[in-house]
Amino acid sequence: MPRSVNHVASRARRKGVMKLAKGYYGRRKNVWTVAKNAVEKGLLYAYTGRKQKKRNFRSLWIQRINAGAREHGMSYSQFMGEYNKSEMKMNRKVLADLAMNHPDAFKAVVDSIKK
């Protein structure tokens, strides 16, 4: 019985990986074994980076809220403690935007939770 190899599928698989490797430097862009490893590593970094992006933005929002709260005599932890006790429900992204771009609105939020 002759050996059957599905060249169409294997070529398509390689073609997809090589397409992802386009723009890489040196042999990483045109040698199959090197490109495969580079693409796998790159996809792993991309996956990790999407998780880190969320962490970095949350950290940035916290810094901005902290800076805005300190202008009104509160620390971040004091502000968030009082804010969570209040009936207002905005996330950190919105609060950070208020603190940075709309200081009057953020002052109103601080004043309403200070009481």
N, C-alpha and C. Protein backbone atom coordinates (compact mmCIF):
# COMPACT_ATOMS: atom_id res chain seq x y z
N MET A 1 0.85 -1.19 0.00
CA MET A 1 0.00 0.00 0.00
C MET A 1 0.89 1.24 0.00
N PRO A 2 0.62 2.17 -0.89
CA PRO A 2 1.45 3.38 -0.92
C PRO A 2 1.21 4.27 0.28
N ARG A 3 2.24 4.99 0.64
CA ARG A 3 2.16 5.89 1.79
C ARG A 3 1.32 7.10 1.40
N SER A 4 0.40 7.48 2.28
CA SER A 4 -0.47 8.62 2.02
C SER A 4 -0.11 9.76 2.96
N VAL A 5 0.27 10.89 2.38
CA VAL A 5 0.65 12.06 3.18
C VAL A 5 -0.22 13.22 2.72
N ASN A 6 -0.83 13.88 3.63
CA ASN A 6 -1.72 14.99 3.29
C ASN A 6 -0.90 16.27 3.15
N HIS A 7 -0.28 16.45 2.00
CA HIS A 7 0.56 17.62 1.78
C HIS A 7 -0.23 18.92 1.79
N VAL A 8 -1.48 18.85 1.37
CA VAL A 8 -2.30 20.06 1.31
C VAL A 8 -2.48 20.65 2.71
N ALA A 9 -2.82 19.80 3.66
CA ALA A 9 -3.06 20.28 5.02
C ALA A 9 -1.77 20.74 5.69
N SER A 10 -0.69 19.98 5.51
CA SER A 10 0.56 20.37 6.17
C SER A 10 1.11 21.66 5.56
N ARG A 11 0.97 21.83 4.25
CA ARG A 11 1.42 23.07 3.61
C ARG A 11 0.59 24.26 4.11
N ALA A 12 -0.71 24.06 4.25
CA ALA A 12 -1.59 25.14 4.74
C ALA A 12 -1.21 25.52 6.17
N ARG A 13 -0.89 24.52 6.99
CA ARG A 13 -0.51 24.78 8.37
C ARG A 13 0.79 25.59 8.42
N ARG A 14 1.77 25.17 7.62
CA ARG A 14 3.04 25.90 7.57
C ARG A 14 2.85 27.31 7.02
N LYS A 15 2.00 27.42 6.02
CA LYS A 15 1.75 28.72 5.40
C LYS A 15 1.17 29.71 6.43
N GLY A 16 0.27 29.21 7.28
CA GLY A 16 -0.31 30.07 8.31
C GLY A 16 0.73 30.57 9.30
N VAL A 17 1.63 29.67 9.71
CA VAL A 17 2.68 30.04 10.66
C VAL A 17 3.63 31.04 10.01
N MET A 18 4.00 30.77 8.75
CA MET A 18 4.93 31.67 8.05
C MET A 18 4.31 33.05 7.85
N LYS A 19 3.01 33.07 7.67
CA LYS A 19 2.32 34.37 7.53
C LYS A 19 2.42 35.15 8.84
N LEU A 20 2.29 34.46 9.96
CA LEU A 20 2.42 35.12 11.27
C LEU A 20 3.85 35.60 11.51
N ALA A 21 4.83 34.92 10.91
CA ALA A 21 6.24 35.27 11.11
C ALA A 21 6.69 36.40 10.20
N LYS A 22 5.81 36.89 9.36
CA LYS A 22 6.18 37.96 8.42
C LYS A 22 6.63 39.19 9.21
N GLY A 23 7.77 39.74 8.83
CA GLY A 23 8.30 40.92 9.51
C GLY A 23 9.33 40.59 10.57
N TYR A 24 9.50 39.31 10.89
CA TYR A 24 10.52 38.94 11.85
C TYR A 24 11.91 39.10 11.24
N TYR A 25 12.93 39.14 12.07
CA TYR A 25 14.30 39.40 11.63
C TYR A 25 15.04 38.11 11.33
N GLY A 26 15.80 38.11 10.26
CA GLY A 26 16.69 36.99 9.96
C GLY A 26 15.95 35.73 9.57
N ARG A 27 16.47 34.58 10.03
CA ARG A 27 15.88 33.30 9.67
C ARG A 27 14.54 33.07 10.32
N ARG A 28 14.18 33.91 11.27
CA ARG A 28 12.89 33.72 11.95
C ARG A 28 11.72 33.93 11.00
N LYS A 29 11.96 34.62 9.89
CA LYS A 29 10.86 34.91 8.97
C LYS A 29 10.72 33.90 7.83
N ASN A 30 11.77 33.10 7.54
CA ASN A 30 11.66 32.26 6.36
C ASN A 30 12.14 30.81 6.53
N VAL A 31 12.63 30.43 7.70
CA VAL A 31 13.01 29.04 7.93
C VAL A 31 11.96 28.42 8.85
N TRP A 32 11.35 27.33 8.40
CA TRP A 32 10.19 26.77 9.07
C TRP A 32 10.41 26.50 10.56
N THR A 33 11.46 25.76 10.91
CA THR A 33 11.64 25.37 12.31
C THR A 33 11.89 26.58 13.20
N VAL A 34 12.66 27.54 12.71
CA VAL A 34 12.96 28.74 13.51
C VAL A 34 11.71 29.60 13.61
N ALA A 35 11.00 29.75 12.49
CA ALA A 35 9.79 30.58 12.47
C ALA A 35 8.72 30.01 13.39
N LYS A 36 8.59 28.69 13.39
CA LYS A 36 7.57 28.04 14.23
C LYS A 36 7.82 28.35 15.70
N ASN A 37 9.07 28.23 16.12
CA ASN A 37 9.41 28.53 17.52
C ASN A 37 9.19 30.01 17.84
N ALA A 38 9.57 30.88 16.91
CA ALA A 38 9.42 32.32 17.14
C ALA A 38 7.95 32.71 17.24
N VAL A 39 7.12 32.13 16.39
CA VAL A 39 5.69 32.44 16.40
C VAL A 39 5.04 31.91 17.68
N GLU A 40 5.40 30.70 18.08
CA GLU A 40 4.84 30.15 19.32
C GLU A 40 5.19 31.04 20.51
N LYS A 41 6.45 31.47 20.56
CA LYS A 41 6.90 32.34 21.64
C LYS A 41 6.17 33.69 21.58
N GLY A 42 6.03 34.21 20.37
CA GLY A 42 5.35 35.48 20.19
C GLY A 42 3.89 35.42 20.63
N LEU A 43 3.21 34.32 20.29
CA LEU A 43 1.82 34.17 20.71
C LEU A 43 1.71 34.03 22.22
N LEU A 44 2.69 33.39 22.82
CA LEU A 44 2.71 33.27 24.28
C LEU A 44 2.87 34.65 24.93
N TYR A 45 3.80 35.46 24.38
CA TYR A 45 3.98 36.82 24.89
C TYR A 45 2.71 37.64 24.69
N ALA A 46 2.03 37.46 23.58
CA ALA A 46 0.80 38.21 23.30
C ALA A 46 -0.27 37.86 24.34
N TYR A 47 -0.40 36.57 24.65
CA TYR A 47 -1.38 36.12 25.64
C TYR A 47 -1.07 36.73 27.00
N THR A 48 0.19 36.65 27.39
CA THR A 48 0.62 37.20 28.69
C THR A 48 0.41 38.71 28.71
N GLY A 49 0.73 39.36 27.59
CA GLY A 49 0.61 40.81 27.51
C GLY A 49 -0.82 41.29 27.67
N ARG A 50 -1.78 40.51 27.18
CA ARG A 50 -3.18 40.91 27.34
C ARG A 50 -3.58 40.89 28.81
N LYS A 51 -3.02 39.98 29.57
CA LYS A 51 -3.31 39.93 31.02
C LYS A 51 -2.61 41.10 31.74
N GLN A 52 -1.36 41.36 31.35
CA GLN A 52 -0.60 42.45 31.98
C GLN A 52 -1.22 43.80 31.70
N LYS A 53 -1.80 43.96 30.52
CA LYS A 53 -2.43 45.22 30.14
C LYS A 53 -3.54 45.57 31.12
N LYS A 54 -4.33 44.59 31.51
CA LYS A 54 -5.41 44.81 32.46
C LYS A 54 -4.86 45.26 33.82
N ARG A 55 -3.77 44.60 34.26
CA ARG A 55 -3.14 44.97 35.53
C ARG A 55 -2.60 46.38 35.48
N ASN A 56 -1.92 46.71 34.36
CA ASN A 56 -1.30 48.02 34.23
C ASN A 56 -2.33 49.14 34.24
N PHE A 57 -3.45 48.93 33.55
CA PHE A 57 -4.47 49.96 33.52
C PHE A 57 -5.12 50.14 34.89
N ARG A 58 -5.37 49.04 35.59
CA ARG A 58 -5.95 49.15 36.94
C ARG A 58 -5.00 49.93 37.85
N SER A 59 -3.72 49.64 37.75
CA SER A 59 -2.71 50.34 38.55
C SER A 59 -2.69 51.84 38.21
N LEU A 60 -2.80 52.16 36.93
CA LEU A 60 -2.83 53.56 36.50
C LEU A 60 -4.05 54.27 37.04
N TRP A 61 -5.21 53.60 36.98
CA TRP A 61 -6.44 54.21 37.50
C TRP A 61 -6.32 54.47 38.99
N ILE A 62 -5.74 53.53 39.72
CA ILE A 62 -5.57 53.70 41.17
C ILE A 62 -4.67 54.88 41.46
N GLN A 63 -3.59 55.04 40.71
CA GLN A 63 -2.68 56.18 40.90
C GLN A 63 -3.40 57.50 40.66
N ARG A 64 -4.21 57.54 39.63
CA ARG A 64 -4.93 58.77 39.31
C ARG A 64 -5.98 59.11 40.36
N ILE A 65 -6.69 58.10 40.83
CA ILE A 65 -7.68 58.32 41.89
C ILE A 65 -6.98 58.78 43.16
N ASN A 66 -5.84 58.17 43.48
CA ASN A 66 -5.07 58.55 44.66
C ASN A 66 -4.65 60.01 44.58
N ALA A 67 -4.14 60.42 43.42
CA ALA A 67 -3.71 61.81 43.25
C ALA A 67 -4.89 62.76 43.41
N GLY A 68 -6.03 62.40 42.83
CA GLY A 68 -7.21 63.24 42.94
C GLY A 68 -7.74 63.31 44.37
N ALA A 69 -7.71 62.18 45.06
CA ALA A 69 -8.22 62.14 46.44
C ALA A 69 -7.31 62.93 47.38
N ARG A 70 -6.00 62.86 47.16
CA ARG A 70 -5.07 63.58 48.03
C ARG A 70 -5.20 65.09 47.89
N GLU A 71 -5.65 65.56 46.73
CA GLU A 71 -5.91 67.00 46.58
C GLU A 71 -7.03 67.45 47.50
N HIS A 72 -7.87 66.52 47.91
CA HIS A 72 -9.00 66.84 48.78
C HIS A 72 -8.82 66.29 50.19
N GLY A 73 -7.58 65.97 50.55
CA GLY A 73 -7.26 65.59 51.92
C GLY A 73 -7.56 64.15 52.30
N MET A 74 -7.64 63.26 51.34
CA MET A 74 -7.89 61.85 51.64
C MET A 74 -6.85 60.99 50.92
N SER A 75 -6.57 59.83 51.49
CA SER A 75 -5.72 58.87 50.77
C SER A 75 -6.63 58.00 49.90
N TYR A 76 -6.01 57.21 49.06
CA TYR A 76 -6.78 56.32 48.18
C TYR A 76 -7.61 55.34 49.00
N SER A 77 -6.98 54.74 50.02
CA SER A 77 -7.69 53.72 50.80
C SER A 77 -8.86 54.33 51.58
N GLN A 78 -8.66 55.53 52.12
CA GLN A 78 -9.76 56.21 52.81
C GLN A 78 -10.89 56.52 51.83
N PHE A 79 -10.50 57.04 50.67
CA PHE A 79 -11.50 57.40 49.65
C PHE A 79 -12.30 56.17 49.22
N MET A 80 -11.62 55.09 48.90
CA MET A 80 -12.33 53.90 48.42
C MET A 80 -13.16 53.24 49.54
N GLY A 81 -12.67 53.32 50.77
CA GLY A 81 -13.45 52.79 51.88
C GLY A 81 -14.76 53.52 52.03
N GLU A 82 -14.71 54.85 52.01
CA GLU A 82 -15.93 55.65 52.12
C GLU A 82 -16.81 55.51 50.88
N TYR A 83 -16.15 55.43 49.72
CA TYR A 83 -16.89 55.32 48.46
C TYR A 83 -17.69 54.03 48.41
N ASN A 84 -17.09 52.93 48.86
CA ASN A 84 -17.79 51.64 48.84
C ASN A 84 -18.94 51.60 49.83
N LYS A 85 -18.87 52.39 50.90
CA LYS A 85 -19.98 52.48 51.85
C LYS A 85 -21.13 53.30 51.28
N SER A 86 -20.82 54.23 50.38
CA SER A 86 -21.86 55.09 49.80
C SER A 86 -22.69 54.32 48.78
N GLU A 87 -23.75 54.96 48.30
CA GLU A 87 -24.64 54.31 47.34
C GLU A 87 -24.16 54.49 45.89
N MET A 88 -23.11 55.26 45.67
CA MET A 88 -22.61 55.47 44.31
C MET A 88 -21.89 54.23 43.81
N LYS A 89 -22.09 53.95 42.53
CA LYS A 89 -21.44 52.78 41.92
C LYS A 89 -20.80 53.18 40.60
N MET A 90 -19.54 53.58 40.66
CA MET A 90 -18.75 53.82 39.46
C MET A 90 -17.48 52.99 39.60
N ASN A 91 -16.97 52.53 38.47
CA ASN A 91 -15.75 51.74 38.55
C ASN A 91 -14.52 52.65 38.58
N ARG A 92 -13.36 52.05 38.78
CA ARG A 92 -12.12 52.82 38.91
C ARG A 92 -11.78 53.57 37.63
N LYS A 93 -12.13 53.00 36.50
CA LYS A 93 -11.85 53.64 35.22
C LYS A 93 -12.58 54.98 35.13
N VAL A 94 -13.84 55.01 35.51
CA VAL A 94 -14.63 56.24 35.46
C VAL A 94 -14.14 57.23 36.51
N LEU A 95 -13.85 56.74 37.70
CA LEU A 95 -13.36 57.63 38.76
C LEU A 95 -12.03 58.26 38.36
N ALA A 96 -11.15 57.49 37.75
CA ALA A 96 -9.86 58.01 37.32
C ALA A 96 -10.05 59.07 36.24
N ASP A 97 -10.98 58.85 35.33
CA ASP A 97 -11.26 59.83 34.28
C ASP A 97 -11.80 61.12 34.89
N LEU A 98 -12.68 60.99 35.88
CA LEU A 98 -13.19 62.19 36.56
C LEU A 98 -12.07 62.94 37.27
N ALA A 99 -11.22 62.19 37.97
CA ALA A 99 -10.13 62.82 38.73
C ALA A 99 -9.18 63.57 37.81
N MET A 100 -8.94 63.03 36.63
CA MET A 100 -7.97 63.63 35.73
C MET A 100 -8.56 64.72 34.85
N ASN A 101 -9.71 64.46 34.25
CA ASN A 101 -10.26 65.36 33.24
C ASN A 101 -11.39 66.25 33.73
N HIS A 102 -12.05 65.88 34.82
CA HIS A 102 -13.18 66.65 35.33
C HIS A 102 -13.03 66.83 36.85
N PRO A 103 -12.08 67.67 37.28
CA PRO A 103 -11.82 67.80 38.72
C PRO A 103 -13.01 68.30 39.52
N ASP A 104 -13.86 69.12 38.91
CA ASP A 104 -15.04 69.62 39.64
C ASP A 104 -16.01 68.48 39.95
N ALA A 105 -16.20 67.61 38.99
CA ALA A 105 -17.08 66.46 39.20
C ALA A 105 -16.48 65.51 40.25
N PHE A 106 -15.17 65.33 40.20
CA PHE A 106 -14.52 64.46 41.20
C PHE A 106 -14.63 65.07 42.59
N LYS A 107 -14.51 66.40 42.68
CA LYS A 107 -14.67 67.09 43.97
C LYS A 107 -16.08 66.87 44.51
N ALA A 108 -17.08 66.88 43.62
CA ALA A 108 -18.45 66.62 44.04
C ALA A 108 -18.59 65.20 44.60
N VAL A 109 -17.91 64.25 43.98
CA VAL A 109 -17.94 62.87 44.47
C VAL A 109 -17.30 62.79 45.85
N VAL A 110 -16.15 63.44 46.01
CA VAL A 110 -15.45 63.44 47.29
C VAL A 110 -16.30 64.09 48.37
N ASP A 111 -16.91 65.23 48.04
CA ASP A 111 -17.74 65.93 49.01
C ASP A 111 -18.97 65.10 49.41
N SER A 112 -19.54 64.39 48.46
CA SER A 112 -20.73 63.60 48.78
C SER A 112 -20.41 62.41 49.67
N ILE A 113 -19.21 61.87 49.59
CA ILE A 113 -18.89 60.72 50.45
C ILE A 113 -18.28 61.15 51.78
N LYS A 114 -17.77 62.39 51.86
CA LYS A 114 -17.18 62.87 53.11
C LYS A 114 -18.23 63.05 54.20
N LYS A 115 -19.27 63.77 53.88
CA LYS A 115 -20.40 64.09 54.80
C LYS A 115 -19.91 64.40 56.19
